[in-house]
Protein backbone atom coordinates (compact mmCIF):
# COMPACT_ATOMS: atom_id res chain seq x y z
CA MET A 1 157.21 202.18 112.83
CA SER A 2 157.99 199.52 115.26
CA TYR A 3 157.68 195.81 115.91
CA ASP A 4 158.07 193.16 118.31
CA ALA A 5 161.12 190.95 117.60
CA LYS A 6 161.89 187.66 118.97
CA PHE A 7 165.54 187.53 120.27
CA ARG A 8 167.43 184.41 122.00
CA VAL A 9 170.28 185.72 124.36
CA TRP A 10 172.68 183.40 126.00
CA ARG A 11 172.58 183.82 129.74
CA GLY A 12 175.12 182.20 132.08
CA ASP A 13 178.54 182.36 133.35
CA ALA A 14 181.70 180.25 133.44
CA ASP A 15 179.96 177.40 135.11
CA GLY A 16 177.22 176.96 132.13
CA GLY A 17 174.22 178.59 130.80
CA ASP A 18 171.73 178.62 128.15
CA LEU A 19 169.72 180.45 125.50
CA VAL A 20 166.77 182.69 126.91
CA ASP A 21 163.87 183.87 124.73
CA TYR A 22 162.82 187.24 124.78
CA THR A 23 160.27 189.58 122.79
CA VAL A 24 161.55 193.00 122.38
CA GLU A 25 160.28 196.15 120.79
CA VAL A 26 162.32 197.39 117.59
CA ASN A 27 162.17 200.96 116.10
CA ASP A 28 163.33 202.22 112.68
CA GLY A 29 167.10 202.61 112.50
CA GLU A 30 168.03 200.82 115.46
CA VAL A 31 170.87 198.30 116.03
CA VAL A 32 171.47 195.01 117.86
CA LEU A 33 172.96 196.98 120.78
CA ASP A 34 169.82 199.15 121.05
CA ILE A 35 167.65 196.19 121.40
CA ILE A 36 170.03 194.53 124.01
CA HIS A 37 169.95 197.90 126.00
CA ARG A 38 166.22 197.83 125.81
CA LEU A 39 166.17 194.26 127.18
CA GLN A 40 168.19 195.57 129.91
CA ALA A 41 166.02 198.25 130.78
CA THR A 42 162.64 196.73 130.44
CA GLN A 43 162.98 192.91 131.04
CA SER A 44 166.36 191.71 132.36
CA GLY A 45 168.29 194.43 134.48
CA ASP A 46 171.06 191.97 135.42
CA LEU A 47 171.96 191.07 131.59
CA ALA A 48 175.82 191.58 131.34
CA VAL A 49 176.93 193.22 128.17
CA ARG A 50 180.36 195.07 127.37
CA TRP A 51 180.10 198.29 125.33
CA ASN A 52 181.41 202.02 125.26
CA CYS A 53 181.29 204.24 122.20
CA LYS A 54 178.20 202.77 120.22
CA ALA A 55 179.85 204.17 117.09
CA GLY A 56 181.96 201.09 115.83
CA LYS A 57 185.25 202.60 116.94
CA CYS A 58 186.02 200.98 120.42
CA GLY A 59 185.41 197.28 119.61
CA SER A 60 183.78 196.54 123.07
CA CYS A 61 180.50 195.25 121.94
CA SER A 62 181.79 192.24 120.12
CA ALA A 63 179.39 189.25 120.09
CA GLU A 64 178.02 186.62 117.75
CA VAL A 65 174.94 187.46 116.04
CA ASN A 66 173.14 184.55 114.55
CA GLY A 67 176.51 182.84 114.62
CA ILE A 68 178.53 185.44 112.86
CA PRO A 69 181.26 187.50 114.89
CA ARG A 70 180.01 191.21 114.74
CA LEU A 71 180.07 194.57 116.69
CA MET A 72 176.34 194.69 118.01
CA CYS A 73 176.51 198.51 117.55
CA MET A 74 177.28 198.21 113.62
CA THR A 75 174.60 195.39 112.98
CA ARG A 76 171.51 197.07 111.98
CA MET A 77 167.99 195.33 112.91
CA SER A 78 167.07 196.16 109.13
CA THR A 79 169.39 193.28 108.03
CA PHE A 80 166.81 190.96 109.55
CA THR A 81 163.08 190.20 108.90
CA GLU A 82 160.61 191.02 111.27
CA THR A 83 159.66 187.25 111.87
CA GLU A 84 163.38 186.20 112.12
CA THR A 85 164.64 185.15 115.60
CA VAL A 86 168.07 186.92 116.33
CA THR A 87 170.38 185.06 118.30
CA VAL A 88 172.93 186.71 120.35
CA THR A 89 175.83 184.86 121.97
CA PRO A 90 179.28 185.74 123.33
CA LEU A 91 182.46 185.29 121.40
CA ARG A 92 183.30 181.57 121.32
CA ALA A 93 186.95 181.70 121.46
CA PHE A 94 187.42 183.28 124.87
CA PRO A 95 186.04 182.05 128.27
CA VAL A 96 182.72 183.46 129.32
CA ILE A 97 182.58 185.87 132.39
CA ARG A 98 178.90 186.38 132.41
CA ASP A 99 176.36 186.47 129.66
CA LEU A 100 177.79 188.46 126.68
CA VAL A 101 181.07 189.29 128.40
CA THR A 102 184.19 187.34 127.71
CA ASP A 103 187.55 187.23 129.26
CA VAL A 104 189.89 188.63 126.30
CA SER A 105 192.91 189.00 128.51
CA PHE A 106 194.56 186.43 126.05
CA ASN A 107 194.89 189.18 123.61
CA TYR A 108 196.41 191.62 125.96
CA GLU A 109 198.93 189.03 127.14
CA LYS A 110 200.00 188.46 123.36
CA ALA A 111 200.17 192.37 123.07
CA ARG A 112 202.80 192.45 125.65
CA GLN A 113 204.91 189.93 124.06
CA ILE A 114 205.61 192.05 120.98
CA PRO A 115 208.76 193.94 120.91
CA ALA A 116 208.22 197.48 120.76
CA PHE A 117 209.07 200.04 118.06
CA ALA A 118 212.91 200.37 118.05
CA PRO A 119 213.85 204.04 117.09
CA PRO A 120 216.72 204.25 114.68
CA GLU A 121 220.21 204.92 116.24
CA GLY A 122 221.31 208.42 115.99
CA VAL A 123 218.03 209.89 114.90
CA ALA A 124 216.35 212.23 117.55
CA PRO A 125 212.72 212.16 118.43
CA GLY A 126 211.12 214.82 115.96
CA ASP A 127 213.70 214.25 113.40
CA TYR A 128 212.05 210.94 112.07
CA ARG A 129 211.12 211.30 108.25
CA MET A 130 209.47 208.85 106.07
CA GLN A 131 208.22 208.69 102.44
CA GLN A 132 204.39 209.17 102.16
CA VAL A 133 204.20 205.86 100.40
CA ASP A 134 205.86 204.04 103.49
CA VAL A 135 203.37 205.73 105.79
CA GLU A 136 200.40 204.61 103.74
CA ARG A 137 201.69 201.05 103.40
CA SER A 138 200.99 200.42 107.32
CA GLN A 139 198.37 202.88 107.64
CA GLU A 140 195.67 200.50 107.15
CA PHE A 141 196.72 198.32 110.00
CA ARG A 142 196.61 201.22 112.29
CA LYS A 143 192.63 201.30 111.72
CA CYS A 144 192.35 198.21 113.90
CA ILE A 145 189.97 198.72 116.98
CA GLU A 146 190.84 195.70 118.79
CA CYS A 147 187.52 194.34 118.73
CA PHE A 148 189.01 190.93 118.43
CA LEU A 149 186.50 189.42 115.95
CA CYS A 150 189.31 188.31 113.94
CA GLN A 151 190.91 186.56 116.85
CA ASN A 152 187.50 184.88 117.57
CA THR A 153 186.93 183.59 113.99
CA CYS A 154 190.22 182.47 113.63
CA HIS A 155 189.81 178.54 113.68
CA VAL A 156 193.45 178.19 115.07
CA VAL A 157 192.40 179.91 118.25
CA ARG A 158 188.52 179.20 118.42
CA ASP A 159 188.72 175.41 117.73
CA HIS A 160 191.97 174.62 119.69
CA GLU A 161 192.54 175.95 122.91
CA GLU A 162 195.92 174.19 123.24
CA ASN A 163 197.26 176.50 120.33
CA LYS A 164 196.82 179.69 122.35
CA GLU A 165 200.05 179.58 124.02
CA ALA A 166 202.11 179.28 120.50
CA PHE A 167 199.81 181.12 118.12
CA ALA A 168 199.33 185.01 118.60
CA GLY A 169 196.40 185.20 116.21
CA PRO A 170 195.67 187.70 113.31
CA ARG A 171 195.42 190.89 115.30
CA PHE A 172 199.06 190.50 116.29
CA LEU A 173 200.39 189.10 113.15
CA ILE A 174 199.37 192.50 111.59
CA ARG A 175 201.08 194.29 114.37
CA ALA A 176 204.23 192.46 113.52
CA ALA A 177 203.79 193.05 109.86
CA GLU A 178 203.40 196.68 110.55
CA LEU A 179 206.35 196.97 112.48
CA ASP A 180 208.38 195.00 109.99
CA MET A 181 207.20 197.31 107.00
CA HIS A 182 208.19 200.48 109.06
CA PRO A 183 211.47 202.01 107.50
CA LEU A 184 212.57 203.57 110.71
CA ASP A 185 212.24 200.42 112.80
CA ALA A 186 215.75 199.39 113.85
CA ARG A 187 214.93 195.64 114.71
CA ASP A 188 215.75 193.20 111.84
CA ASP A 189 214.18 190.05 113.73
CA ARG A 190 210.45 190.81 113.17
CA ALA A 191 210.11 187.84 110.88
CA ASP A 192 212.11 185.52 113.15
CA PHE A 193 209.67 186.74 115.91
CA ALA A 194 206.66 186.09 113.93
CA ARG A 195 207.87 182.41 113.11
CA ASP A 196 209.35 181.53 116.25
CA GLU A 197 207.14 183.28 118.84
CA GLN A 198 203.95 184.14 117.05
CA GLY A 199 203.36 180.88 115.20
CA ILE A 200 202.68 182.40 111.84
CA GLY A 201 203.19 179.15 110.16
CA MET A 202 200.10 177.83 111.84
CA CYS A 203 197.98 180.06 109.90
CA ASN A 204 196.64 178.46 106.75
CA ILE A 205 195.19 181.59 105.08
CA THR A 206 191.52 180.85 105.19
CA LYS A 207 190.99 184.76 105.21
CA CYS A 208 188.00 184.38 107.93
CA CYS A 209 189.63 187.05 109.93
CA THR A 210 189.50 189.40 106.87
CA GLU A 211 185.69 188.41 106.32
CA VAL A 212 184.70 189.70 109.75
CA CYS A 213 186.90 192.75 110.10
CA PRO A 214 184.66 195.90 110.67
CA GLU A 215 187.32 198.26 109.47
CA HIS A 216 188.09 196.11 106.23
CA ILE A 217 191.51 195.60 106.88
CA LYS A 218 192.70 193.08 104.37
CA ILE A 219 194.54 191.19 107.14
CA THR A 220 195.52 188.08 105.07
CA ASP A 221 196.47 189.59 101.84
CA ASN A 222 198.36 192.78 103.06
CA ALA A 223 199.83 191.58 106.35
CA ILE A 224 199.94 187.79 106.86
CA ILE A 225 200.83 186.47 103.47
CA PRO A 226 203.80 189.47 103.03
CA MET A 227 205.04 188.49 106.51
CA LYS A 228 205.14 184.62 105.63
CA GLU A 229 207.08 185.59 102.40
CA ARG A 230 209.54 187.35 104.50
CA VAL A 231 209.66 184.29 106.70
CA VAL A 232 210.35 181.92 103.95
CA GLY A 233 212.67 184.33 102.10
CA LYS A 234 214.81 184.93 105.19
CA ARG A 235 215.13 181.25 105.93
CA TYR A 236 214.89 179.38 102.92
CA ASP A 237 216.29 181.75 100.05
CA PRO A 238 219.61 180.41 98.91
CA LEU A 239 220.98 183.85 98.25
CA VAL A 240 220.00 185.01 101.78
CA TRP A 241 221.70 181.92 103.22
CA LEU A 242 224.81 182.48 101.24
CA GLY A 243 224.84 186.08 102.24
CA ASN A 244 224.52 185.23 105.91
CA LYS A 245 227.45 182.61 105.56
CA ILE A 246 229.79 185.02 103.73
CA GLY A 247 228.89 187.77 106.36
CA ARG A 248 229.91 185.52 109.21
CA ARG A 249 233.19 184.68 107.76
CA LYS A 250 236.39 185.76 109.58
CA ASP A 251 239.59 186.70 108.07
């Protein structure tokens, strides 16, 4: 069974653009990315769109569908009525290159700033040992496919361009949390880094990042909030403060 759907797709580049109306055939079982590909093949061969796996694992086809940040390959056409107009626009938090393709290099710059895993001293590669409970604790965060939907929907980044220099965004706060939870990571300054370099204090825990995550990672509850607690505990806990003072005393 097929029908003709009404689509509005943003066309343009860094200098500006507008929504363009199309009528495109839709078949049973198709997703939004299928329709965008058919649009390319039949009506608009110069439409720019980024995609790769079409299986919800590469994160390339991120866009906003009817105003909601989504993976186009995981957004089924059956979620819309046949008379509904489907609007597809590029991610709003990042500069447009052309059509549905945005410049997400901001995210890679933030990734490079995170100190890498520091191996424990005196333990050779291959001899690392961890309890299964510790593995499971951070395994959730490793499901991230870097679609950057969480980065796009975070209002600290999305609505305030000036915040990008000081704020890393939820994707990289979960990376910092993952390393901080790692029992073999030798660094003890992950919380300091999250506070001073990643701007974790700017996050006000609206959970909008968690809501759009296609991997259903509990970004706020399992990563950002625990990391905030570590920051507060390390800086403001009176017992920790006293211990640090005693530790610095000289005979």
